[in-house]
Amino acid sequence: MLAKKVMTSMYAKATSPADLPWHQAEPPQIVVDAVKSRPAGGRALDIGCGAGTFSVYLAKHGFEVTGIELIPRAIELARAHARAADVDVTLVNADALAWEAPSPFDLVLDSGCLHSLIGGNAARYRDRLYSWLAPGGDYVLGHWGRRHALDWRPMGPRRRTRRELVELFAPELHEHAHVEELMTGIPMPFGPTVLGLGIWFKRSA
C-alpha cells in the first residue's frame, strides 16, 4: 500500500511530533470547543493518533485517553510525547478497522484517519465508529473536503464534501457545528490547495 509506505517513511525520519509536515502544536478550535463542552472529561478515543499531539491535549484536559495508530514508529513518538508531558495515554498499535474497544467513548477524535482509508472502507469505518461512540457522545472529524467534481488526486487523502460526510453518518449522528478553511501551499501531488473541513457530530442520548 503506497500510502502506508509514504507515512511510514515520514515517521521514520521524525525525532519528535514537530518534525512531521502536518504537525499542529494546538488542536483546531472545533476540537477545543468539543472538549470544553465536556468539563467533566470522560473517555476519549484518538483515531489515527499519529505522534500523539492531540491525545496528550485530551489527557491534559481530564480525559482518559486511548490513541490507536497503525504505524509502530508513530506509537513510539506518541509514547515519548506523553512521557514528556507527564500524562497517561493508552496507546494501541492496530488497524482501526479491526480493533474492538473494551467499552464505549464519550468523545472520539479523527484528525485525518478517515480520509486516508483506501477504497470502499468508509462504511466499515462508520460501523466501527458506531461501536466506539457512546450514546450522547461527540465525534469530531478533520477531513480534506472536496471543493468541486475535479478536486481529487490519484493518491493521497480521499476528499469528500461536507454533505457526503453528513450523509455517511446519518441518522445515528447529526452535525452540531462545522468549519471550513482553504489551505494553500500544500506540497504536490496533494496540493497546492486543499479545503480543510472540521465537523463536530453528536449522537443522541
N, C-alpha and C. Protein backbone atom coordinates (compact mmCIF):
# COMPACT_ATOMS: atom_id res chain seq x y z
N MET A 1 0.85 -1.19 0.00
CA MET A 1 0.00 0.00 0.00
C MET A 1 0.89 1.25 0.00
N LEU A 2 0.79 2.07 -1.05
CA LEU A 2 1.67 3.23 -1.20
C LEU A 2 1.51 4.22 -0.06
N ALA A 3 0.26 4.50 0.32
CA ALA A 3 0.03 5.49 1.37
C ALA A 3 0.72 5.09 2.67
N LYS A 4 0.63 3.81 3.02
CA LYS A 4 1.26 3.34 4.25
C LYS A 4 2.77 3.47 4.17
N LYS A 5 3.35 3.17 2.98
CA LYS A 5 4.79 3.29 2.81
C LYS A 5 5.25 4.74 2.96
N VAL A 6 4.48 5.66 2.39
CA VAL A 6 4.83 7.08 2.49
C VAL A 6 4.78 7.55 3.94
N MET A 7 3.71 7.18 4.65
CA MET A 7 3.56 7.60 6.04
C MET A 7 4.65 6.97 6.91
N THR A 8 4.94 5.70 6.68
CA THR A 8 5.97 5.03 7.46
C THR A 8 7.32 5.72 7.27
N SER A 9 7.62 6.12 6.03
CA SER A 9 8.87 6.82 5.74
C SER A 9 8.94 8.16 6.47
N MET A 10 7.84 8.89 6.49
CA MET A 10 7.83 10.19 7.16
C MET A 10 8.03 10.05 8.66
N TYR A 11 7.38 9.05 9.26
CA TYR A 11 7.55 8.84 10.70
C TYR A 11 8.96 8.36 11.03
N ALA A 12 9.55 7.56 10.13
CA ALA A 12 10.90 7.05 10.37
C ALA A 12 11.92 8.19 10.45
N LYS A 13 11.67 9.26 9.73
CA LYS A 13 12.60 10.40 9.70
C LYS A 13 12.38 11.36 10.88
N ALA A 14 11.26 11.24 11.57
CA ALA A 14 10.91 12.19 12.62
C ALA A 14 11.52 11.80 13.97
N THR A 15 12.02 12.78 14.69
CA THR A 15 12.50 12.54 16.05
C THR A 15 11.55 13.11 17.10
N SER A 16 10.58 13.91 16.66
CA SER A 16 9.56 14.46 17.55
C SER A 16 8.33 14.80 16.70
N PRO A 17 7.17 15.02 17.33
CA PRO A 17 5.98 15.38 16.55
C PRO A 17 6.18 16.60 15.66
N ALA A 18 7.00 17.54 16.10
CA ALA A 18 7.21 18.79 15.34
C ALA A 18 7.91 18.55 14.00
N ASP A 19 8.55 17.39 13.84
CA ASP A 19 9.24 17.09 12.58
C ASP A 19 8.29 16.66 11.47
N LEU A 20 7.05 16.38 11.79
CA LEU A 20 6.10 15.90 10.80
C LEU A 20 5.47 17.07 10.05
N PRO A 21 5.29 16.95 8.74
CA PRO A 21 4.81 18.10 7.94
C PRO A 21 3.41 18.56 8.30
N TRP A 22 2.59 17.70 8.89
CA TRP A 22 1.22 18.07 9.24
C TRP A 22 1.08 18.46 10.71
N HIS A 23 2.19 18.61 11.40
CA HIS A 23 2.14 18.86 12.84
C HIS A 23 1.39 20.15 13.17
N GLN A 24 0.53 20.07 14.18
CA GLN A 24 -0.14 21.24 14.75
C GLN A 24 0.14 21.23 16.25
N ALA A 25 0.73 22.26 16.76
CA ALA A 25 1.05 22.31 18.19
C ALA A 25 -0.21 22.33 19.04
N GLU A 26 -1.27 22.96 18.53
CA GLU A 26 -2.54 23.05 19.24
C GLU A 26 -3.65 22.53 18.33
N PRO A 27 -4.68 21.93 18.89
CA PRO A 27 -5.77 21.41 18.07
C PRO A 27 -6.61 22.53 17.49
N PRO A 28 -7.36 22.24 16.42
CA PRO A 28 -8.26 23.24 15.85
C PRO A 28 -9.32 23.68 16.87
N GLN A 29 -9.88 24.87 16.64
CA GLN A 29 -10.84 25.43 17.59
C GLN A 29 -12.05 24.53 17.77
N ILE A 30 -12.46 23.81 16.73
CA ILE A 30 -13.65 22.97 16.86
C ILE A 30 -13.40 21.82 17.84
N VAL A 31 -12.14 21.35 17.90
CA VAL A 31 -11.78 20.34 18.90
C VAL A 31 -11.78 20.95 20.29
N VAL A 32 -11.22 22.14 20.40
CA VAL A 32 -11.21 22.85 21.68
C VAL A 32 -12.63 23.04 22.20
N ASP A 33 -13.54 23.43 21.32
CA ASP A 33 -14.93 23.66 21.72
C ASP A 33 -15.60 22.36 22.19
N ALA A 34 -15.33 21.26 21.48
CA ALA A 34 -15.92 19.98 21.88
C ALA A 34 -15.39 19.54 23.25
N VAL A 35 -14.11 19.77 23.49
CA VAL A 35 -13.52 19.43 24.79
C VAL A 35 -14.12 20.29 25.90
N LYS A 36 -14.28 21.58 25.63
CA LYS A 36 -14.87 22.48 26.63
C LYS A 36 -16.32 22.12 26.95
N SER A 37 -17.00 21.49 26.00
CA SER A 37 -18.40 21.10 26.24
C SER A 37 -18.51 19.94 27.21
N ARG A 38 -17.37 19.32 27.52
CA ARG A 38 -17.35 18.20 28.47
C ARG A 38 -16.36 18.51 29.60
N PRO A 39 -16.71 19.46 30.47
CA PRO A 39 -15.78 19.87 31.53
C PRO A 39 -15.45 18.75 32.51
N ALA A 40 -16.31 17.74 32.58
CA ALA A 40 -16.04 16.62 33.48
C ALA A 40 -15.13 15.58 32.85
N GLY A 41 -14.73 15.81 31.60
CA GLY A 41 -13.88 14.85 30.93
C GLY A 41 -14.66 13.63 30.48
N GLY A 42 -14.08 12.46 30.70
CA GLY A 42 -14.70 11.21 30.26
C GLY A 42 -13.68 10.36 29.53
N ARG A 43 -14.17 9.42 28.76
CA ARG A 43 -13.29 8.55 27.98
C ARG A 43 -13.19 9.09 26.56
N ALA A 44 -11.96 9.19 26.04
CA ALA A 44 -11.74 9.75 24.70
C ALA A 44 -10.91 8.79 23.86
N LEU A 45 -11.25 8.73 22.57
CA LEU A 45 -10.51 7.91 21.61
C LEU A 45 -9.96 8.82 20.52
N ASP A 46 -8.66 8.72 20.27
CA ASP A 46 -8.00 9.46 19.20
C ASP A 46 -7.65 8.46 18.10
N ILE A 47 -8.43 8.47 17.00
CA ILE A 47 -8.24 7.51 15.92
C ILE A 47 -7.14 8.01 15.00
N GLY A 48 -6.16 7.15 14.71
CA GLY A 48 -5.03 7.58 13.90
C GLY A 48 -4.27 8.65 14.65
N CYS A 49 -3.89 8.34 15.88
CA CYS A 49 -3.35 9.37 16.79
C CYS A 49 -1.98 9.88 16.38
N GLY A 50 -1.30 9.20 15.45
CA GLY A 50 -0.01 9.67 15.00
C GLY A 50 0.99 9.79 16.14
N ALA A 51 1.67 10.91 16.21
CA ALA A 51 2.68 11.13 17.25
C ALA A 51 2.09 11.60 18.57
N GLY A 52 0.77 11.61 18.68
CA GLY A 52 0.13 11.79 19.97
C GLY A 52 -0.14 13.20 20.43
N THR A 53 -0.01 14.19 19.55
CA THR A 53 -0.19 15.58 19.98
C THR A 53 -1.58 15.82 20.56
N PHE A 54 -2.61 15.36 19.85
CA PHE A 54 -3.97 15.60 20.33
C PHE A 54 -4.34 14.66 21.47
N SER A 55 -3.77 13.46 21.50
CA SER A 55 -4.01 12.55 22.63
C SER A 55 -3.51 13.19 23.92
N VAL A 56 -2.34 13.79 23.86
CA VAL A 56 -1.77 14.46 25.04
C VAL A 56 -2.65 15.65 25.43
N TYR A 57 -3.12 16.41 24.45
CA TYR A 57 -4.01 17.54 24.75
C TYR A 57 -5.26 17.06 25.50
N LEU A 58 -5.87 15.98 25.02
CA LEU A 58 -7.07 15.46 25.66
C LEU A 58 -6.78 15.00 27.09
N ALA A 59 -5.64 14.33 27.28
CA ALA A 59 -5.27 13.87 28.61
C ALA A 59 -5.06 15.04 29.57
N LYS A 60 -4.46 16.11 29.07
CA LYS A 60 -4.24 17.29 29.91
C LYS A 60 -5.55 17.95 30.32
N HIS A 61 -6.62 17.67 29.57
CA HIS A 61 -7.91 18.28 29.88
C HIS A 61 -8.86 17.29 30.55
N GLY A 62 -8.28 16.32 31.23
CA GLY A 62 -9.06 15.47 32.13
C GLY A 62 -9.67 14.23 31.53
N PHE A 63 -9.33 13.89 30.29
CA PHE A 63 -9.90 12.70 29.67
C PHE A 63 -9.01 11.47 29.91
N GLU A 64 -9.65 10.33 30.01
CA GLU A 64 -8.97 9.04 29.99
C GLU A 64 -8.83 8.67 28.51
N VAL A 65 -7.63 8.71 27.98
CA VAL A 65 -7.42 8.71 26.54
C VAL A 65 -6.84 7.38 26.04
N THR A 66 -7.40 6.92 24.93
CA THR A 66 -6.82 5.83 24.15
C THR A 66 -6.50 6.37 22.77
N GLY A 67 -5.27 6.15 22.32
CA GLY A 67 -4.87 6.52 20.97
C GLY A 67 -4.58 5.26 20.18
N ILE A 68 -5.13 5.16 18.99
CA ILE A 68 -4.90 3.99 18.14
C ILE A 68 -4.21 4.43 16.86
N GLU A 69 -3.20 3.67 16.46
CA GLU A 69 -2.37 4.07 15.32
C GLU A 69 -1.79 2.82 14.65
N LEU A 70 -1.76 2.84 13.31
CA LEU A 70 -1.29 1.71 12.53
C LEU A 70 0.24 1.59 12.46
N ILE A 71 0.94 2.72 12.51
CA ILE A 71 2.38 2.74 12.26
C ILE A 71 3.16 2.67 13.57
N PRO A 72 3.97 1.64 13.77
CA PRO A 72 4.68 1.46 15.04
C PRO A 72 5.55 2.66 15.45
N ARG A 73 6.27 3.26 14.50
CA ARG A 73 7.13 4.39 14.84
C ARG A 73 6.32 5.56 15.39
N ALA A 74 5.12 5.75 14.87
CA ALA A 74 4.25 6.81 15.39
C ALA A 74 3.90 6.55 16.85
N ILE A 75 3.64 5.30 17.19
CA ILE A 75 3.34 4.95 18.57
C ILE A 75 4.54 5.26 19.48
N GLU A 76 5.74 4.98 19.00
CA GLU A 76 6.94 5.31 19.77
C GLU A 76 7.03 6.80 20.06
N LEU A 77 6.77 7.61 19.03
CA LEU A 77 6.81 9.07 19.21
C LEU A 77 5.71 9.52 20.18
N ALA A 78 4.52 8.94 20.05
CA ALA A 78 3.41 9.31 20.92
C ALA A 78 3.71 8.95 22.37
N ARG A 79 4.32 7.78 22.58
CA ARG A 79 4.66 7.36 23.94
C ARG A 79 5.68 8.31 24.56
N ALA A 80 6.67 8.70 23.78
CA ALA A 80 7.68 9.64 24.28
C ALA A 80 7.07 11.00 24.58
N HIS A 81 6.16 11.43 23.73
CA HIS A 81 5.50 12.73 23.92
C HIS A 81 4.65 12.72 25.19
N ALA A 82 3.93 11.63 25.44
CA ALA A 82 3.11 11.53 26.65
C ALA A 82 3.98 11.53 27.90
N ARG A 83 5.11 10.83 27.84
CA ARG A 83 6.02 10.82 28.99
C ARG A 83 6.55 12.22 29.27
N ALA A 84 6.94 12.92 28.21
CA ALA A 84 7.48 14.27 28.38
C ALA A 84 6.44 15.22 28.96
N ALA A 85 5.18 15.00 28.61
CA ALA A 85 4.10 15.85 29.11
C ALA A 85 3.57 15.38 30.46
N ASP A 86 4.07 14.23 30.94
CA ASP A 86 3.68 13.67 32.24
C ASP A 86 2.17 13.39 32.30
N VAL A 87 1.66 12.75 31.24
CA VAL A 87 0.26 12.34 31.22
C VAL A 87 0.18 10.86 30.85
N ASP A 88 -0.93 10.24 31.24
CA ASP A 88 -1.17 8.84 30.92
C ASP A 88 -2.06 8.73 29.69
N VAL A 89 -1.57 8.04 28.68
CA VAL A 89 -2.34 7.77 27.47
C VAL A 89 -2.15 6.29 27.12
N THR A 90 -3.25 5.59 26.88
CA THR A 90 -3.17 4.21 26.43
C THR A 90 -2.99 4.22 24.92
N LEU A 91 -1.89 3.66 24.44
CA LEU A 91 -1.58 3.68 23.02
C LEU A 91 -1.64 2.26 22.46
N VAL A 92 -2.36 2.12 21.34
CA VAL A 92 -2.61 0.82 20.74
C VAL A 92 -2.11 0.83 19.30
N ASN A 93 -1.21 -0.09 18.98
CA ASN A 93 -0.72 -0.23 17.60
C ASN A 93 -1.60 -1.27 16.90
N ALA A 94 -2.56 -0.80 16.10
CA ALA A 94 -3.52 -1.70 15.48
C ALA A 94 -4.20 -1.02 14.31
N ASP A 95 -4.83 -1.84 13.49
CA ASP A 95 -5.67 -1.36 12.39
C ASP A 95 -7.01 -0.95 12.98
N ALA A 96 -7.39 0.31 12.82
CA ALA A 96 -8.62 0.80 13.41
C ALA A 96 -9.85 0.02 12.94
N LEU A 97 -9.82 -0.46 11.70
CA LEU A 97 -10.99 -1.15 11.15
C LEU A 97 -11.16 -2.55 11.74
N ALA A 98 -10.14 -3.04 12.43
CA ALA A 98 -10.22 -4.37 13.04
C ALA A 98 -10.24 -4.32 14.56
N TRP A 99 -10.00 -3.14 15.13
CA TRP A 99 -9.85 -3.02 16.57
C TRP A 99 -11.20 -2.97 17.29
N GLU A 100 -11.30 -3.71 18.40
CA GLU A 100 -12.50 -3.72 19.22
C GLU A 100 -12.24 -2.94 20.50
N ALA A 101 -13.05 -1.95 20.80
CA ALA A 101 -12.89 -1.17 22.03
C ALA A 101 -13.46 -1.95 23.21
N PRO A 102 -12.79 -1.92 24.37
CA PRO A 102 -13.31 -2.63 25.54
C PRO A 102 -14.60 -2.02 26.08
N SER A 103 -14.79 -0.73 25.87
CA SER A 103 -16.00 -0.04 26.30
C SER A 103 -16.12 1.25 25.48
N PRO A 104 -17.33 1.82 25.38
CA PRO A 104 -17.52 2.99 24.51
C PRO A 104 -16.87 4.26 25.06
N PHE A 105 -16.74 5.24 24.16
CA PHE A 105 -16.08 6.50 24.48
C PHE A 105 -17.07 7.66 24.41
N ASP A 106 -16.83 8.66 25.25
CA ASP A 106 -17.66 9.86 25.27
C ASP A 106 -17.28 10.83 24.16
N LEU A 107 -16.01 10.82 23.78
CA LEU A 107 -15.51 11.71 22.73
C LEU A 107 -14.59 10.92 21.82
N VAL A 108 -14.85 11.01 20.52
CA VAL A 108 -13.99 10.36 19.53
C VAL A 108 -13.46 11.44 18.59
N LEU A 109 -12.15 11.45 18.38
CA LEU A 109 -11.50 12.43 17.52
C LEU A 109 -10.81 11.72 16.37
N ASP A 110 -11.02 12.23 15.17
CA ASP A 110 -10.33 11.74 13.98
C ASP A 110 -9.78 12.95 13.24
N SER A 111 -8.46 13.10 13.25
CA SER A 111 -7.85 14.27 12.60
C SER A 111 -7.14 13.88 11.31
N GLY A 112 -7.68 12.88 10.61
CA GLY A 112 -7.10 12.51 9.32
C GLY A 112 -7.12 11.04 8.98
N CYS A 113 -7.74 10.22 9.84
CA CYS A 113 -7.76 8.78 9.58
C CYS A 113 -8.74 8.42 8.46
N LEU A 114 -9.97 8.91 8.54
CA LEU A 114 -10.99 8.54 7.56
C LEU A 114 -10.55 8.88 6.14
N HIS A 115 -10.01 10.06 5.93
CA HIS A 115 -9.67 10.43 4.55
C HIS A 115 -8.43 9.70 4.03
N SER A 116 -7.75 8.96 4.92
CA SER A 116 -6.60 8.17 4.49
C SER A 116 -6.95 6.73 4.17
N LEU A 117 -8.19 6.32 4.43
CA LEU A 117 -8.60 4.95 4.13
C LEU A 117 -8.66 4.75 2.63
N ILE A 118 -8.34 3.56 2.21
CA ILE A 118 -8.29 3.24 0.79
C ILE A 118 -9.58 2.55 0.35
N GLY A 119 -10.05 2.91 -0.83
CA GLY A 119 -11.18 2.21 -1.44
C GLY A 119 -12.49 2.43 -0.72
N GLY A 120 -13.26 1.35 -0.58
CA GLY A 120 -14.63 1.47 -0.06
C GLY A 120 -14.76 1.17 1.40
N ASN A 121 -13.78 1.60 2.21
CA ASN A 121 -13.81 1.28 3.62
C ASN A 121 -14.61 2.26 4.48
N ALA A 122 -15.17 3.29 3.88
CA ALA A 122 -15.86 4.32 4.67
C ALA A 122 -17.04 3.73 5.43
N ALA A 123 -17.81 2.84 4.82
CA ALA A 123 -18.96 2.25 5.51
C ALA A 123 -18.50 1.38 6.67
N ARG A 124 -17.42 0.66 6.48
CA ARG A 124 -16.86 -0.16 7.55
C ARG A 124 -16.37 0.72 8.69
N TYR A 125 -15.71 1.81 8.34
CA TYR A 125 -15.27 2.78 9.35
C TYR A 125 -16.48 3.30 10.14
N ARG A 126 -17.54 3.66 9.44
CA ARG A 126 -18.75 4.18 10.10
C ARG A 126 -19.28 3.17 11.10
N ASP A 127 -19.32 1.89 10.71
CA ASP A 127 -19.84 0.86 11.61
C ASP A 127 -18.95 0.71 12.84
N ARG A 128 -17.63 0.82 12.65
CA ARG A 128 -16.72 0.77 13.79
C ARG A 128 -16.96 1.97 14.70
N LEU A 129 -17.13 3.14 14.10
CA LEU A 129 -17.38 4.35 14.89
C LEU A 129 -18.63 4.19 15.74
N TYR A 130 -19.70 3.64 15.17
CA TYR A 130 -20.93 3.42 15.93
C TYR A 130 -20.65 2.54 17.15
N SER A 131 -19.76 1.58 17.00
CA SER A 131 -19.46 0.68 18.13
C SER A 131 -18.58 1.37 19.18
N TRP A 132 -17.81 2.37 18.78
CA TRP A 132 -16.92 3.06 19.71
C TRP A 132 -17.62 4.17 20.49
N LEU A 133 -18.56 4.85 19.86
CA LEU A 133 -19.11 6.10 20.42
C LEU A 133 -20.32 5.82 21.31
N ALA A 134 -20.26 6.31 22.53
CA ALA A 134 -21.34 6.10 23.49
C ALA A 134 -22.56 6.94 23.13
N PRO A 135 -23.76 6.53 23.58
CA PRO A 135 -24.93 7.39 23.41
C PRO A 135 -24.68 8.76 24.04
N GLY A 136 -25.05 9.81 23.33
CA GLY A 136 -24.79 11.17 23.81
C GLY A 136 -23.37 11.62 23.58
N GLY A 137 -22.59 10.82 22.85
CA GLY A 137 -21.18 11.14 22.64
C GLY A 137 -20.94 12.15 21.53
N ASP A 138 -19.72 12.67 21.50
CA ASP A 138 -19.29 13.64 20.49
C ASP A 138 -18.23 13.02 19.59
N TYR A 139 -18.32 13.31 18.31
CA TYR A 139 -17.35 12.84 17.32
C TYR A 139 -16.89 14.05 16.52
N VAL A 140 -15.58 14.32 16.53
CA VAL A 140 -15.02 15.46 15.80
C VAL A 140 -14.12 14.92 14.70
N LEU A 141 -14.43 15.30 13.46
CA LEU A 141 -13.74 14.79 12.28
C LEU A 141 -12.99 15.91 11.57
N GLY A 142 -11.70 15.69 11.34
CA GLY A 142 -10.92 16.56 10.48
C GLY A 142 -10.72 15.85 9.15
N HIS A 143 -11.08 16.49 8.04
CA HIS A 143 -11.12 15.79 6.75
C HIS A 143 -10.78 16.77 5.63
N TRP A 144 -10.17 16.27 4.58
CA TRP A 144 -9.94 17.09 3.39
C TRP A 144 -11.20 17.12 2.56
N GLY A 145 -11.78 18.30 2.43
CA GLY A 145 -13.05 18.45 1.71
C GLY A 145 -12.86 18.49 0.20
N ARG A 146 -13.91 18.13 -0.50
CA ARG A 146 -13.91 18.18 -1.96
C ARG A 146 -14.63 19.45 -2.40
N ARG A 147 -13.93 20.33 -3.10
CA ARG A 147 -14.49 21.63 -3.48
C ARG A 147 -15.39 21.55 -4.70
N HIS A 148 -15.06 20.64 -5.65
CA HIS A 148 -15.83 20.52 -6.88
C HIS A 148 -15.52 19.16 -7.49
N ALA A 149 -16.16 18.83 -8.62
CA ALA A 149 -16.07 17.49 -9.20
C ALA A 149 -14.65 17.11 -9.59
N LEU A 150 -13.83 18.09 -9.95
CA LEU A 150 -12.47 17.80 -10.40
C LEU A 150 -11.44 17.90 -9.28
N ASP A 151 -11.90 18.12 -8.07
CA ASP A 151 -11.00 18.27 -6.93
C ASP A 151 -10.68 16.89 -6.34
N TRP A 152 -9.72 16.21 -6.95
CA TRP A 152 -9.31 14.89 -6.48
C TRP A 152 -7.86 14.66 -6.90
N ARG A 153 -7.23 13.67 -6.30
CA ARG A 153 -5.87 13.29 -6.66
C ARG A 153 -5.82 11.77 -6.75
N PRO A 154 -4.98 11.23 -7.65
CA PRO A 154 -4.89 9.78 -7.79
C PRO A 154 -4.25 9.10 -6.59
N MET A 155 -3.61 9.87 -5.72
CA MET A 155 -3.03 9.33 -4.50
C MET A 155 -3.25 10.33 -3.38
N GLY A 156 -3.08 9.86 -2.15
CA GLY A 156 -3.26 10.76 -1.02
C GLY A 156 -4.67 10.70 -0.46
N PRO A 157 -4.99 11.57 0.48
CA PRO A 157 -6.29 11.54 1.15
C PRO A 157 -7.48 11.60 0.20
N ARG A 158 -8.50 10.83 0.50
CA ARG A 158 -9.74 10.79 -0.27
C ARG A 158 -10.60 11.99 0.14
N ARG A 159 -10.86 12.88 -0.80
CA ARG A 159 -11.61 14.09 -0.50
C ARG A 159 -13.11 13.84 -0.62
N ARG A 160 -13.86 14.36 0.34
CA ARG A 160 -15.32 14.22 0.33
C ARG A 160 -15.94 15.57 0.67
N THR A 161 -17.14 15.81 0.20
CA THR A 161 -17.84 17.04 0.52
C THR A 161 -18.42 16.94 1.93
N ARG A 162 -18.73 18.08 2.48
CA ARG A 162 -19.39 18.10 3.79
C ARG A 162 -20.71 17.34 3.73
N ARG A 163 -21.46 17.50 2.65
CA ARG A 163 -22.74 16.80 2.52
C ARG A 163 -22.53 15.28 2.51
N GLU A 164 -21.52 14.81 1.80
CA GLU A 164 -21.24 13.37 1.77
C GLU A 164 -20.93 12.84 3.17
N LEU A 165 -20.19 13.60 3.93
CA LEU A 165 -19.82 13.17 5.27
C LEU A 165 -21.02 13.16 6.21
N VAL A 166 -21.85 14.18 6.12
CA VAL A 166 -23.05 14.23 6.97
C VAL A 166 -23.97 13.07 6.63
N GLU A 167 -24.12 12.78 5.34
CA GLU A 167 -24.99 11.67 4.93
C GLU A 167 -24.39 10.32 5.33
N LEU A 168 -23.07 10.21 5.33
CA LEU A 168 -22.42 8.95 5.69
C LEU A 168 -22.78 8.53 7.12
N PHE A 169 -22.83 9.49 8.03
CA PHE A 169 -23.04 9.17 9.44
C PHE A 169 -24.49 9.30 9.91
N ALA A 170 -25.36 9.79 9.03
CA ALA A 170 -26.78 9.88 9.38
C ALA A 170 -27.40 8.48 9.32
N PRO A 171 -28.47 8.23 10.09
CA PRO A 171 -29.11 9.14 11.04
C PRO A 171 -28.57 9.02 12.46
N GLU A 172 -27.60 8.14 12.69
CA GLU A 172 -27.09 7.93 14.04
C GLU A 172 -26.46 9.20 14.62
N LEU A 173 -25.75 9.93 13.76
CA LEU A 173 -25.08 11.14 14.20
C LEU A 173 -25.63 12.35 13.45
N HIS A 174 -25.69 13.47 14.12
CA HIS A 174 -26.12 14.69 13.44
C HIS A 174 -25.06 15.78 13.62
N GLU A 175 -24.95 16.63 12.62
CA GLU A 175 -23.95 17.70 12.65
C GLU A 175 -24.33 18.74 13.69
N HIS A 176 -23.38 19.06 14.55
CA HIS A 176 -23.58 20.08 15.57
C HIS A 176 -22.93 21.40 15.17
N ALA A 177 -21.75 21.30 14.55
CA ALA A 177 -21.03 22.51 14.10
C ALA A 177 -20.03 22.09 13.03
N HIS A 178 -19.62 23.06 12.23
CA HIS A 178 -18.59 22.77 11.24
C HIS A 178 -17.79 24.03 10.93
N VAL A 179 -16.57 23.81 10.44
CA VAL A 179 -15.71 24.91 9.99
C VAL A 179 -15.06 24.49 8.68
N GLU A 180 -14.72 25.48 7.86
CA GLU A 180 -14.02 25.23 6.61
C GLU A 180 -12.85 26.20 6.51
N GLU A 181 -11.72 25.69 6.02
CA GLU A 181 -10.53 26.53 5.86
C GLU A 181 -9.83 26.16 4.57
N LEU A 182 -9.62 27.13 3.71
CA LEU A 182 -8.89 26.89 2.48
C LEU A 182 -7.40 26.99 2.76
N MET A 183 -6.70 25.87 2.60
CA MET A 183 -5.28 25.80 2.91
C MET A 183 -4.47 25.82 1.62
N THR A 184 -3.48 26.67 1.56
CA THR A 184 -2.64 26.80 0.37
C THR A 184 -1.20 26.40 0.70
N GLY A 185 -0.42 26.23 -0.37
CA GLY A 185 0.97 25.85 -0.17
C GLY A 185 1.16 24.40 0.21
N ILE A 186 0.16 23.55 -0.05
CA ILE A 186 0.27 22.13 0.26
C ILE A 186 1.17 21.47 -0.79
N PRO A 187 2.14 20.66 -0.38
CA PRO A 187 3.07 20.05 -1.35
C PRO A 187 2.33 19.18 -2.37
N MET A 188 2.82 19.19 -3.58
CA MET A 188 2.32 18.28 -4.62
C MET A 188 2.83 16.87 -4.30
N PRO A 189 2.08 15.82 -4.64
CA PRO A 189 0.90 15.81 -5.50
C PRO A 189 -0.41 16.06 -4.78
N PHE A 190 -0.37 16.39 -3.48
CA PHE A 190 -1.60 16.57 -2.72
C PHE A 190 -2.19 17.97 -2.90
N GLY A 191 -1.34 18.96 -3.08
CA GLY A 191 -1.77 20.35 -3.18
C GLY A 191 -1.98 20.79 -4.62
N PRO A 192 -1.85 22.09 -4.85
CA PRO A 192 -1.35 23.11 -3.91
C PRO A 192 -2.41 23.69 -2.97
N THR A 193 -3.68 23.39 -3.24
CA THR A 193 -4.76 23.95 -2.41
C THR A 193 -5.64 22.83 -1.90
N VAL A 194 -6.00 22.91 -0.63
CA VAL A 194 -6.86 21.90 0.00
C VAL A 194 -7.91 22.60 0.84
N LEU A 195 -9.12 22.09 0.81
CA LEU A 195 -10.19 22.58 1.68
C LEU A 195 -10.21 21.72 2.94
N GLY A 196 -9.84 22.33 4.06
CA GLY A 196 -9.88 21.62 5.33
C GLY A 196 -11.26 21.72 5.95
N LEU A 197 -11.85 20.58 6.26
CA LEU A 197 -13.17 20.52 6.90
C LEU A 197 -13.02 20.05 8.34
N GLY A 198 -13.72 20.68 9.23
CA GLY A 198 -13.85 20.20 10.60
C GLY A 198 -15.33 20.08 10.90
N ILE A 199 -15.78 18.88 11.27
CA ILE A 199 -17.20 18.67 11.56
C ILE A 199 -17.34 18.03 12.94
N TRP A 200 -18.17 18.64 13.75
CA TRP A 200 -18.47 18.14 15.09
C TRP A 200 -19.86 17.50 15.03
N PHE A 201 -19.88 16.18 15.24
CA PHE A 201 -21.13 15.43 15.25
C PHE A 201 -21.51 15.08 16.69
N LYS A 202 -22.81 14.92 16.90
CA LYS A 202 -23.31 14.44 18.19
C LYS A 202 -24.19 13.21 17.96
N ARG A 203 -24.15 12.32 18.93
CA ARG A 203 -25.02 11.15 18.90
C ARG A 203 -26.12 11.32 19.94
N SER A 204 -27.33 10.96 19.59
CA SER A 204 -28.44 11.10 20.53
C SER A 204 -28.21 10.24 21.77
N ALA A 205 -28.67 10.73 22.89
CA ALA A 205 -28.51 10.00 24.15
C ALA A 205 -29.40 8.77 24.19
